Amino acid sequence: MTCNPSVIRTLCVCTAALVLVSAPASSIAADWKPDKAIELVVGTGPGSGVDNTARVVQSILQMQKIVDPQITVNNKPGGPYAVAYNYMSQFQGDGSKLAVQTSTPLAALVTGQLTLKYFEFTPIANLITEPILFMVRTESPIANGKDLAQRLKADPSALSIALATARGNAFHITAALFARAAGADAKKLKIVVYTSSGDAVAALLGGHVDIVAVTPGNFLPLYETKKIRILGLGSQRRLGGLLATVPTFKEQGFDVVFDLPRSVMGAKGLSADQIRYWDNAFGRMVKTAEWRQAVEKNQWEDDYMNSADFAKSLKSQYEILKDVLTEIGMAKP
């Protein structure tokens, strides 16, 4: 039997069309991927918990070849992430610029310290949460949460509490909640702000401040070598490993539970294809053995959310922060 060439061409076209229609949406998308170096913008200085997270992300994405272009970490400290987000504002639609953050920009939005339109940036992923702890030098007369409560109740301004990177953030909120639980006036706390947790801890070790509110990741060696004492954890339950013997504030009689997320935001106006690319990249990253090891080593809590879920979570976080900051008199009217 002889086949007409025009019929064959028609059949090929129809077959191709059927294949496209039946193919998964991801395979027929534009499949955007970065064609230049990736920049992880960190709104705190080197040595901070956020900086540590960004460098772990950088290492795993490159080592596992999840992302092809080179990845750099660019520290942009200043204000409650104001410098970092003003920088990010210059790159609308650029999928190669990502900001690694905590909930600090949201809190700063509530207090009026951040004036740009934060919700115009693109939510990419939530990665982890970290417990917040209070530490003192081993020479400090404050041995535990009860000692701290007694001192704050007697005079809430008598002890300097260091934190990064802005008043009203999760560290400040945890201190305020503790003061309230201790029967002290949270509005009178002596809060000292540094550009990174590393700087705050250096001030503690130098005897310039009394207490630091911080996450544990970067500072476990100081605890292991007995240069610091941990007064308590603002978590639901105790951590494992090196911190297994450290009690929570709840165990010590203070209903204080507040943690710190680590998340990734993109520039304004990213496309669906760009978001899909990063959903895939971070979704793969959090399944690697290297990521699981980093979570365990740094005492993180795995709390991955993709872009869609993270966007919903941001709105909820904002409302929670607004309620707490209003209660302690820090929300902008």
Protein backbone atom coordinates (compact mmCIF):
# COMPACT_ATOMS: atom_id res chain seq x y z
CA MET A 1 0.00 0.00 0.00
CA THR A 2 1.28 3.46 -0.92
CA CYS A 3 1.04 6.27 1.70
CA ASN A 4 0.48 9.86 0.66
CA PRO A 5 3.33 12.04 2.11
CA SER A 6 0.86 14.79 2.98
CA VAL A 7 -1.17 12.33 5.04
CA ILE A 8 1.97 11.24 6.90
CA ARG A 9 2.85 14.86 7.70
CA THR A 10 -0.70 15.43 8.98
CA LEU A 11 -0.50 12.35 11.19
CA CYS A 12 2.85 13.47 12.61
CA VAL A 13 1.51 16.90 13.46
CA CYS A 14 -1.56 15.43 15.15
CA THR A 15 0.53 12.91 17.07
CA ALA A 16 2.86 15.67 18.29
CA ALA A 17 -0.10 17.73 19.39
CA LEU A 18 -1.53 14.79 21.31
CA VAL A 19 1.81 14.24 23.04
CA LEU A 20 1.93 17.89 24.10
CA VAL A 21 -1.63 17.81 25.39
CA SER A 22 -1.03 14.64 27.42
CA ALA A 23 2.40 15.72 28.75
CA PRO A 24 2.69 16.98 32.35
CA ALA A 25 2.46 20.75 32.68
CA SER A 26 6.01 20.94 34.03
CA SER A 27 7.45 19.44 30.86
CA ILE A 28 5.79 21.91 28.51
CA ALA A 29 6.51 25.00 30.62
CA ALA A 30 9.08 27.50 29.54
CA ASP A 31 11.55 25.80 31.91
CA TRP A 32 13.29 28.96 33.09
CA LYS A 33 16.66 28.48 34.72
CA PRO A 34 19.29 30.99 35.80
CA ASP A 35 21.91 31.87 33.21
CA LYS A 36 24.10 33.98 35.53
CA ALA A 37 25.54 33.79 39.04
CA ILE A 38 23.07 33.38 41.90
CA GLU A 39 23.26 35.87 44.75
CA LEU A 40 22.04 35.02 48.25
CA VAL A 41 21.47 38.36 49.95
CA VAL A 42 21.76 38.27 53.75
CA GLY A 43 20.43 41.19 55.78
CA THR A 44 22.87 40.59 58.64
CA GLY A 45 26.64 40.52 58.99
CA PRO A 46 28.94 37.50 58.70
CA GLY A 47 28.75 35.17 61.68
CA SER A 48 24.99 35.51 62.15
CA GLY A 49 22.55 32.62 62.17
CA VAL A 50 21.10 33.80 58.86
CA ASP A 51 24.56 34.00 57.34
CA ASN A 52 25.25 30.45 58.52
CA THR A 53 22.01 29.22 56.93
CA ALA A 54 22.78 30.98 53.65
CA ARG A 55 26.24 29.41 53.47
CA VAL A 56 24.86 25.94 54.16
CA VAL A 57 22.32 26.47 51.35
CA GLN A 58 25.08 27.75 49.05
CA SER A 59 27.27 24.73 49.75
CA ILE A 60 24.58 22.08 49.25
CA LEU A 61 23.02 23.59 46.12
CA GLN A 62 26.45 23.72 44.49
CA MET A 63 27.92 20.49 45.86
CA GLN A 64 24.88 18.46 44.80
CA LYS A 65 24.77 20.28 41.44
CA ILE A 66 21.14 21.25 42.05
CA VAL A 67 21.94 24.71 40.68
CA ASP A 68 24.46 25.13 37.85
CA PRO A 69 25.65 28.77 38.11
CA GLN A 70 28.03 29.90 40.83
CA ILE A 71 26.34 31.00 44.06
CA THR A 72 27.67 33.85 46.20
CA VAL A 73 26.58 35.13 49.61
CA ASN A 74 26.30 38.92 49.80
CA ASN A 75 25.95 40.38 53.30
CA LYS A 76 23.92 43.59 53.37
CA PRO A 77 23.52 44.46 57.06
CA GLY A 78 21.79 47.63 58.14
CA GLY A 79 18.47 48.39 59.75
CA PRO A 80 15.96 45.58 60.16
CA TYR A 81 16.81 44.19 56.69
CA ALA A 82 16.16 47.61 55.15
CA VAL A 83 19.51 47.72 53.33
CA ALA A 84 19.06 44.18 52.01
CA TYR A 85 15.54 44.77 50.70
CA ASN A 86 16.31 48.16 49.23
CA TYR A 87 19.07 46.36 47.33
CA MET A 88 16.65 43.59 46.24
CA SER A 89 14.23 46.26 45.00
CA GLN A 90 16.64 47.06 42.18
CA PHE A 91 16.19 43.64 40.55
CA GLN A 92 12.51 43.28 39.73
CA GLY A 93 11.86 40.09 37.78
CA ASP A 94 15.42 38.81 38.34
CA GLY A 95 15.24 35.19 39.47
CA SER A 96 18.95 35.05 40.30
CA LYS A 97 18.63 37.28 43.40
CA LEU A 98 17.33 35.63 46.58
CA ALA A 99 17.16 37.01 50.12
CA VAL A 100 17.73 34.67 53.08
CA GLN A 101 15.83 36.01 56.07
CA THR A 102 14.11 35.48 59.41
CA SER A 103 10.81 36.98 60.54
CA THR A 104 12.60 40.28 61.29
CA PRO A 105 11.36 42.11 58.15
CA LEU A 106 7.76 41.18 59.04
CA ALA A 107 8.19 42.45 62.59
CA ALA A 108 9.83 45.62 61.27
CA LEU A 109 6.83 46.11 59.01
CA VAL A 110 4.56 46.00 62.06
CA THR A 111 6.72 48.43 64.05
CA GLY A 112 7.16 50.83 61.14
CA GLN A 113 10.94 50.32 60.92
CA LEU A 114 10.57 48.86 57.42
CA THR A 115 8.70 51.16 55.08
CA LEU A 116 9.03 49.47 51.69
CA LYS A 117 6.28 47.22 50.26
CA TYR A 118 7.49 43.91 51.66
CA PHE A 119 4.59 41.80 50.37
CA GLU A 120 5.46 42.73 46.78
CA PHE A 121 8.54 40.50 47.02
CA THR A 122 8.14 36.87 45.96
CA PRO A 123 7.91 34.15 48.63
CA ILE A 124 10.16 31.25 47.60
CA ALA A 125 10.52 28.79 50.49
CA ASN A 126 10.59 28.37 54.24
CA LEU A 127 13.45 26.07 55.20
CA ILE A 128 13.68 25.69 58.99
CA THR A 129 12.76 27.13 62.33
CA GLU A 130 15.27 27.63 65.16
CA PRO A 131 14.64 27.74 68.90
CA ILE A 132 15.60 30.94 70.72
CA LEU A 133 17.74 30.73 73.84
CA PHE A 134 19.24 33.12 76.37
CA MET A 135 22.94 32.83 77.15
CA VAL A 136 25.28 34.44 79.68
CA ARG A 137 28.99 34.12 80.37
CA THR A 138 29.89 31.25 82.67
CA GLU A 139 31.08 33.85 85.22
CA SER A 140 27.59 35.38 85.41
CA PRO A 141 25.74 35.13 88.72
CA ILE A 142 22.58 34.30 86.74
CA ALA A 143 22.39 30.51 86.68
CA ASN A 144 18.94 29.80 85.20
CA GLY A 145 15.60 31.20 84.16
CA LYS A 146 14.41 31.69 87.72
CA ASP A 147 17.45 33.81 88.57
CA LEU A 148 16.82 35.90 85.47
CA ALA A 149 13.14 36.33 86.34
CA GLN A 150 13.97 37.58 89.84
CA ARG A 151 16.43 40.13 88.50
CA LEU A 152 14.02 41.42 85.85
CA LYS A 153 11.11 41.61 88.25
CA ALA A 154 13.20 43.70 90.66
CA ASP A 155 14.41 46.02 87.89
CA PRO A 156 13.71 45.21 84.21
CA SER A 157 16.30 47.76 83.05
CA ALA A 158 19.12 46.48 85.25
CA LEU A 159 20.35 43.85 82.76
CA SER A 160 21.40 44.57 79.17
CA ILE A 161 19.96 42.09 76.66
CA ALA A 162 21.78 41.94 73.33
CA LEU A 163 20.24 40.75 70.08
CA ALA A 164 20.43 41.13 66.31
CA THR A 165 19.29 42.86 64.16
CA ALA A 166 16.39 45.06 65.28
CA ARG A 167 14.10 45.92 68.15
CA GLY A 168 10.76 44.17 67.90
CA ASN A 169 12.08 41.04 66.20
CA ALA A 170 11.68 37.45 67.41
CA PHE A 171 14.57 37.77 69.88
CA HIS A 172 13.08 40.93 71.39
CA ILE A 173 9.61 39.36 71.47
CA THR A 174 10.97 36.31 73.33
CA ALA A 175 12.64 38.59 75.89
CA ALA A 176 9.42 40.57 76.27
CA LEU A 177 7.34 37.41 76.71
CA PHE A 178 9.79 36.17 79.34
CA ALA A 179 9.64 39.50 81.18
CA ARG A 180 5.85 39.37 81.14
CA ALA A 181 5.89 35.78 82.45
CA ALA A 182 8.26 36.90 85.21
CA GLY A 183 5.95 39.73 86.24
CA ALA A 184 8.26 42.46 84.91
CA ASP A 185 7.46 45.43 82.68
CA ALA A 186 8.54 44.32 79.18
CA LYS A 187 8.55 47.92 77.95
CA LYS A 188 11.42 48.78 80.31
CA LEU A 189 13.85 46.08 79.14
CA LYS A 190 17.32 47.33 78.23
CA ILE A 191 17.69 46.06 74.66
CA VAL A 192 21.02 46.46 72.83
CA VAL A 193 20.94 45.85 69.06
CA TYR A 194 23.86 44.52 66.98
CA THR A 195 24.17 43.89 63.24
CA SER A 196 24.70 40.16 63.75
CA SER A 197 24.38 37.57 66.49
CA GLY A 198 28.13 37.04 66.19
CA ASP A 199 28.73 40.65 67.22
CA ALA A 200 26.24 40.31 70.08
CA VAL A 201 27.97 37.21 71.42
CA ALA A 202 31.38 38.89 71.09
CA ALA A 203 30.03 41.74 73.23
CA LEU A 204 28.82 39.21 75.79
CA LEU A 205 32.20 37.48 75.97
CA GLY A 206 33.86 40.88 76.32
CA GLY A 207 31.67 41.76 79.30
CA HIS A 208 29.83 44.58 77.52
CA VAL A 209 26.34 43.09 77.86
CA ASP A 210 24.73 40.72 80.38
CA ILE A 211 22.60 38.43 78.23
CA VAL A 212 22.26 37.49 74.57
CA ALA A 213 19.07 36.22 72.93
CA VAL A 214 20.21 34.02 70.07
CA THR A 215 19.66 30.78 68.16
CA PRO A 216 22.06 27.94 68.96
CA GLY A 217 23.52 26.98 65.57
CA ASN A 218 26.71 29.06 65.44
CA PHE A 219 27.52 29.02 69.14
CA LEU A 220 27.48 25.38 70.24
CA PRO A 221 31.32 25.30 70.43
CA LEU A 222 31.19 28.07 73.06
CA TYR A 223 28.79 25.97 75.11
CA GLU A 224 30.89 22.85 74.64
CA THR A 225 34.00 24.66 75.88
CA LYS A 226 32.05 26.13 78.81
CA LYS A 227 32.56 29.76 77.81
CA ILE A 228 28.84 30.41 78.01
CA ARG A 229 25.89 29.20 80.07
CA ILE A 230 22.43 28.72 78.56
CA LEU A 231 19.61 29.84 80.84
CA GLY A 232 16.78 28.23 78.91
CA LEU A 233 15.11 27.59 75.57
CA GLY A 234 11.97 29.20 74.17
CA SER A 235 10.84 25.90 72.61
CA GLN A 236 8.04 23.42 73.21
CA ARG A 237 10.46 20.64 74.10
CA ARG A 238 14.14 20.09 74.80
CA LEU A 239 16.59 19.72 71.97
CA GLY A 240 18.83 16.72 71.45
CA GLY A 241 22.56 16.23 71.27
CA LEU A 242 24.76 18.71 73.08
CA LEU A 243 21.75 20.71 74.36
CA ALA A 244 19.77 17.74 75.68
CA THR A 245 20.35 18.84 79.29
CA VAL A 246 19.23 22.46 78.74
CA PRO A 247 15.68 22.98 80.08
CA THR A 248 12.99 24.92 78.28
CA PHE A 249 11.53 28.03 79.85
CA LYS A 250 8.24 26.14 80.22
CA GLU A 251 9.99 23.51 82.33
CA GLN A 252 11.21 26.31 84.58
CA GLY A 253 7.71 27.67 85.05
CA PHE A 254 7.60 30.38 82.35
CA ASP A 255 5.15 29.98 79.47
CA VAL A 256 7.48 31.30 76.78
CA VAL A 257 7.52 29.58 73.39
CA PHE A 258 8.75 31.49 70.35
CA ASP A 259 10.96 30.37 67.50
CA LEU A 260 12.68 31.90 64.50
CA PRO A 261 12.03 30.82 60.90
CA ARG A 262 14.67 30.82 58.18
CA SER A 263 13.23 31.45 54.76
CA VAL A 264 13.98 32.62 51.23
CA MET A 265 12.39 35.53 49.36
CA GLY A 266 12.79 36.42 45.71
CA ALA A 267 12.76 39.76 43.96
CA LYS A 268 9.51 41.46 43.04
CA GLY A 269 7.58 40.24 40.02
CA LEU A 270 9.04 36.76 39.51
CA SER A 271 7.28 34.63 36.91
CA ALA A 272 5.55 31.30 37.51
CA ASP A 273 8.42 29.56 35.68
CA GLN A 274 11.02 31.17 37.94
CA ILE A 275 9.06 30.20 41.06
CA ARG A 276 8.68 26.65 39.72
CA TYR A 277 12.43 26.40 39.21
CA TRP A 278 13.19 27.39 42.81
CA ASP A 279 10.40 25.18 44.18
CA ASN A 280 12.11 22.26 42.46
CA ALA A 281 15.62 23.31 43.59
CA PHE A 282 14.79 23.78 47.27
CA GLY A 283 12.46 20.77 47.27
CA ARG A 284 15.40 18.65 46.12
CA MET A 285 17.84 20.30 48.52
CA VAL A 286 15.87 19.51 51.69
CA LYS A 287 15.79 15.82 50.75
CA THR A 288 19.58 15.47 50.57
CA ALA A 289 21.61 13.71 53.26
CA GLU A 290 23.77 16.84 53.54
CA TRP A 291 20.76 18.98 54.44
CA ARG A 292 19.57 16.48 57.05
CA GLN A 293 23.06 16.48 58.58
CA ALA A 294 23.10 20.30 58.68
CA VAL A 295 19.69 20.36 60.38
CA GLU A 296 20.91 17.97 63.07
CA LYS A 297 24.29 19.66 63.53
CA ASN A 298 22.83 23.16 63.92
CA GLN A 299 19.91 22.12 66.14
CA TRP A 300 17.45 23.33 63.50
CA GLU A 301 13.86 22.15 63.12
CA ASP A 302 13.06 21.09 59.55
CA ASP A 303 10.07 23.17 58.41
CA TYR A 304 10.15 23.21 54.61
CA MET A 305 7.33 24.95 52.74
CA ASN A 306 7.16 25.57 49.01
CA SER A 307 6.33 28.97 47.56
CA ALA A 308 2.55 28.67 47.76
CA ASP A 309 2.49 27.38 51.35
CA PHE A 310 5.13 29.87 52.47
CA ALA A 311 3.12 32.77 51.03
CA LYS A 312 0.15 31.74 53.18
CA SER A 313 2.39 31.31 56.21
CA LEU A 314 3.82 34.82 55.83
CA LYS A 315 0.35 36.33 56.14
CA SER A 316 -0.30 34.28 59.29
CA GLN A 317 3.09 35.19 60.78
CA TYR A 318 2.38 38.86 60.15
CA GLU A 319 -0.89 38.71 62.11
CA ILE A 320 0.74 36.86 65.02
CA LEU A 321 3.60 39.35 65.20
CA LYS A 322 1.14 42.24 64.99
CA ASP A 323 -0.82 40.88 67.96
CA VAL A 324 2.28 40.31 70.13
CA LEU A 325 3.93 43.62 69.26
CA THR A 326 0.69 45.49 69.88
CA GLU A 327 0.48 43.88 73.31
CA ILE A 328 3.97 45.04 74.28
CA GLY A 329 3.40 48.51 72.85
CA MET A 330 5.68 48.30 69.79
CA ALA A 331 3.23 48.10 66.89
CA LYS A 332 2.94 51.22 64.76
CA PRO A 333 -0.51 52.79 65.25
